[in-house]
Protein backbone atom coordinates (compact mmCIF):
# COMPACT_ATOMS: atom_id res chain seq x y z
CA MET A 1 -48.11 -24.06 -24.88
CA GLN A 2 -48.07 -20.41 -25.95
CA TRP A 3 -51.13 -18.14 -25.64
CA HIS A 4 -52.10 -15.46 -28.11
CA ILE A 5 -54.63 -13.03 -26.71
CA GLN A 6 -56.44 -10.62 -28.94
CA PHE A 7 -58.78 -7.84 -27.79
CA CYS A 8 -61.54 -6.53 -29.98
CA GLY A 9 -64.84 -4.75 -29.66
CA VAL A 10 -68.00 -6.85 -29.84
CA LYS A 11 -71.46 -5.43 -30.43
CA ALA A 12 -73.84 -6.28 -27.61
CA TYR A 13 -76.51 -7.80 -29.83
CA VAL A 14 -74.15 -10.21 -31.65
CA SER A 15 -74.01 -13.79 -30.35
CA VAL A 16 -70.37 -14.34 -29.48
CA LEU A 17 -69.39 -17.17 -27.18
CA GLY A 18 -68.70 -15.75 -23.69
CA ASN A 19 -69.95 -12.23 -24.44
CA LYS A 20 -72.94 -12.49 -22.12
CA THR A 21 -70.76 -13.90 -19.33
CA ALA A 22 -68.19 -11.10 -19.78
CA ASP A 23 -70.95 -8.47 -19.57
CA THR A 24 -72.33 -10.00 -16.37
CA LEU A 25 -68.88 -10.18 -14.73
CA ALA A 26 -68.07 -6.60 -15.74
CA LYS A 27 -71.29 -5.32 -14.18
CA GLU A 28 -70.71 -7.27 -10.96
CA THR A 29 -67.13 -6.01 -10.68
CA ALA A 30 -68.13 -2.39 -11.32
CA ALA A 31 -70.89 -2.56 -8.71
CA SER A 32 -68.68 -4.14 -6.04
CA THR A 33 -65.64 -1.87 -6.26
CA ASP A 34 -65.26 1.38 -4.32
CA THR A 35 -62.45 2.80 -6.47
CA PRO A 36 -63.53 5.10 -9.27
CA GLU A 37 -62.51 4.42 -12.81
CA CYS A 38 -59.36 6.20 -13.95
CA TYR A 39 -59.12 7.28 -17.54
CA ASP A 40 -55.50 7.79 -18.49
CA LYS A 41 -56.19 9.03 -21.98
CA VAL A 42 -56.97 12.69 -22.53
CA PRO A 43 -58.01 13.99 -25.95
CA ILE A 44 -55.21 15.79 -27.77
CA SER A 45 -57.48 18.82 -28.21
CA VAL A 46 -57.65 19.23 -24.41
CA VAL A 47 -53.86 18.98 -24.12
CA LYS A 48 -53.40 21.54 -26.91
CA SER A 49 -55.83 24.04 -25.41
CA GLU A 50 -54.27 23.72 -21.93
CA LEU A 51 -50.79 24.21 -23.39
CA GLU A 52 -52.00 27.25 -25.31
CA VAL A 53 -53.43 28.81 -22.14
CA LEU A 54 -50.19 28.14 -20.24
CA SER A 55 -48.10 29.53 -23.10
CA VAL A 56 -50.11 32.75 -23.27
CA LYS A 57 -49.83 33.18 -19.48
CA LYS A 58 -46.06 32.71 -19.67
CA TRP A 59 -45.85 35.10 -22.61
CA GLN A 60 -47.87 37.72 -20.66
CA ARG A 61 -45.54 37.40 -17.63
CA GLU A 62 -42.47 37.86 -19.84
CA TRP A 63 -44.15 40.74 -21.71
CA ASP A 64 -44.92 42.50 -18.42
CA GLN A 65 -41.37 42.04 -17.10
CA SER A 66 -39.51 42.99 -20.27
CA THR A 67 -38.02 46.45 -20.71
CA LYS A 68 -38.21 46.06 -24.50
CA GLY A 69 -41.10 47.13 -26.72
CA GLN A 70 -42.29 50.05 -24.58
CA ILE A 71 -44.19 51.75 -27.42
CA THR A 72 -45.84 48.50 -28.49
CA LYS A 73 -46.85 47.76 -24.88
CA GLN A 74 -48.78 51.03 -24.80
CA TYR A 75 -50.95 49.78 -27.66
CA PHE A 76 -51.05 46.10 -26.67
CA PRO A 77 -50.66 45.62 -22.90
CA ASP A 78 -52.68 42.38 -22.95
CA ILE A 79 -51.36 39.46 -25.04
CA THR A 80 -54.70 37.63 -25.14
CA ALA A 81 -56.52 40.70 -26.42
CA ARG A 82 -53.86 41.20 -29.09
CA LEU A 83 -54.05 37.56 -30.21
CA ASN A 84 -57.81 37.91 -30.61
CA MET A 85 -57.40 40.89 -32.95
CA LYS A 86 -57.19 40.42 -36.69
CA LEU A 87 -54.67 42.95 -37.92
CA ASN A 88 -53.78 43.86 -41.47
CA LEU A 89 -50.16 44.80 -40.93
CA THR A 90 -48.75 47.54 -43.10
CA HIS A 91 -45.47 49.41 -42.96
CA ASN A 92 -47.10 52.54 -41.51
CA PHE A 93 -49.21 50.66 -38.96
CA THR A 94 -46.13 48.75 -37.76
CA LEU A 95 -44.18 52.02 -37.59
CA MET A 96 -46.82 53.57 -35.33
CA VAL A 97 -47.15 50.63 -32.92
CA THR A 98 -43.41 49.92 -32.65
CA GLY A 99 -41.71 53.29 -33.17
CA HIS A 100 -39.31 51.56 -35.57
CA GLY A 101 -39.08 52.83 -39.10
CA SER A 102 -38.80 55.97 -41.14
CA ILE A 103 -39.33 58.60 -38.48
CA ASN A 104 -36.57 61.04 -37.72
CA SER A 105 -36.22 60.32 -33.99
CA TYR A 106 -35.65 56.63 -34.74
CA LEU A 107 -33.30 57.18 -37.67
CA HIS A 108 -31.34 59.81 -35.73
CA ARG A 109 -30.51 57.21 -33.05
CA PHE A 110 -28.64 55.23 -35.71
CA LYS A 111 -26.99 58.32 -37.23
CA MET A 112 -29.05 57.98 -40.39
CA ARG A 113 -30.51 61.49 -39.93
CA GLU A 114 -28.69 64.59 -38.75
CA THR A 115 -31.55 65.67 -36.54
CA PRO A 116 -34.55 64.01 -34.86
CA SER A 117 -36.68 67.07 -35.67
CA CYS A 118 -40.00 66.79 -37.43
CA PRO A 119 -40.38 68.58 -40.79
CA CYS A 120 -43.19 70.63 -39.17
CA GLY A 121 -40.43 72.33 -37.14
CA VAL A 122 -42.20 72.14 -33.78
CA GLN A 123 -40.32 69.31 -32.03
CA ASP A 124 -38.74 65.87 -32.52
CA GLN A 125 -40.58 63.54 -34.85
CA THR A 126 -41.75 60.81 -32.45
CA ILE A 127 -44.79 58.55 -32.45
CA ASP A 128 -46.54 60.72 -29.85
CA HIS A 129 -45.76 63.87 -31.83
CA LEU A 130 -47.19 62.36 -35.02
CA LEU A 131 -50.28 61.04 -33.29
CA PHE A 132 -51.10 63.97 -31.02
CA GLU A 133 -49.40 67.16 -32.23
CA CYS A 134 -47.84 67.29 -35.71
CA GLU A 135 -49.30 70.16 -37.75
CA LEU A 136 -48.56 68.30 -40.99
CA LEU A 137 -51.10 65.64 -39.95
CA ARG A 138 -53.75 68.02 -38.58
CA LYS A 139 -56.37 67.16 -41.22
CA GLU A 140 -55.92 63.40 -40.72
CA ARG A 141 -55.90 63.81 -36.92
CA ASN A 142 -59.16 65.77 -37.15
CA HIS A 143 -60.79 62.81 -38.92
CA LEU A 144 -59.43 60.51 -36.22
CA THR A 145 -60.53 62.69 -33.31
CA THR A 146 -63.99 63.29 -34.82
CA ASN A 147 -64.52 59.53 -34.83
CA ILE A 148 -63.18 59.11 -31.30
CA LEU A 149 -65.08 62.02 -29.75
CA LYS A 150 -68.38 60.32 -30.56
CA THR A 151 -67.77 57.83 -27.74
CA ASN A 152 -64.53 58.81 -25.93
CA VAL A 153 -62.32 61.74 -25.03
CA TRP A 154 -59.22 63.05 -26.79
CA PRO A 155 -56.40 62.47 -26.15
CA ILE A 156 -57.06 58.78 -25.70
CA SER A 157 -54.81 56.02 -24.39
CA LYS A 158 -53.11 54.01 -27.12
CA SER A 159 -54.55 50.72 -25.88
CA LYS A 160 -58.10 52.12 -25.98
CA LEU A 161 -57.38 53.67 -29.37
CA ILE A 162 -56.50 50.23 -30.76
CA ARG A 163 -59.33 48.38 -29.00
CA LYS A 164 -62.20 50.79 -29.64
CA HIS A 165 -61.21 52.84 -32.69
CA PHE A 166 -59.01 50.52 -34.69
CA LYS A 167 -60.42 51.38 -38.12
CA ALA A 168 -60.02 55.12 -37.61
CA PHE A 169 -56.49 54.69 -36.23
CA TYR A 170 -55.56 52.34 -39.07
CA LYS A 171 -56.79 54.92 -41.60
CA PHE A 172 -54.72 57.60 -39.83
CA THR A 173 -51.57 55.48 -40.12
CA ASN A 174 -51.96 55.42 -43.90
CA TYR A 175 -51.03 59.14 -43.96
CA ILE A 176 -47.79 58.87 -42.00
């Protein structure tokens, strides 16, 4: 003789042969056992969120240990904070937060410019020079600093600039 067992859910108020007996036995067994119930199944949403937290922690460790991306790290030292920001990436914004692009100091490294000097003639055209010193951007910097000086001091750290004055900084990058 071969048995075929099938499990299915039964509503408590439906008269199914043996249902009342099964309920009684289940209650007696649960009351008499000292071992807690173990639920092996975990919702996929819990697994995903735990994996996301672990991934961000690992990413942060690697970010902190890496020697790459030094300019970007000044703006975004914390991965979680960066992931929570909604950025509209443009060429100029990316140039300012990475140091990669059409600035003379960067292009000079690859022998694409004869000199790293800024057209203003004061010093090399670097991200810090453009942001803090370049005379060609004085008017735009004045708009930026006016906004910042309402609540902070100038010069300001790049991470605070991004966190607290993003709109003003973003507008400034449009003039680079």
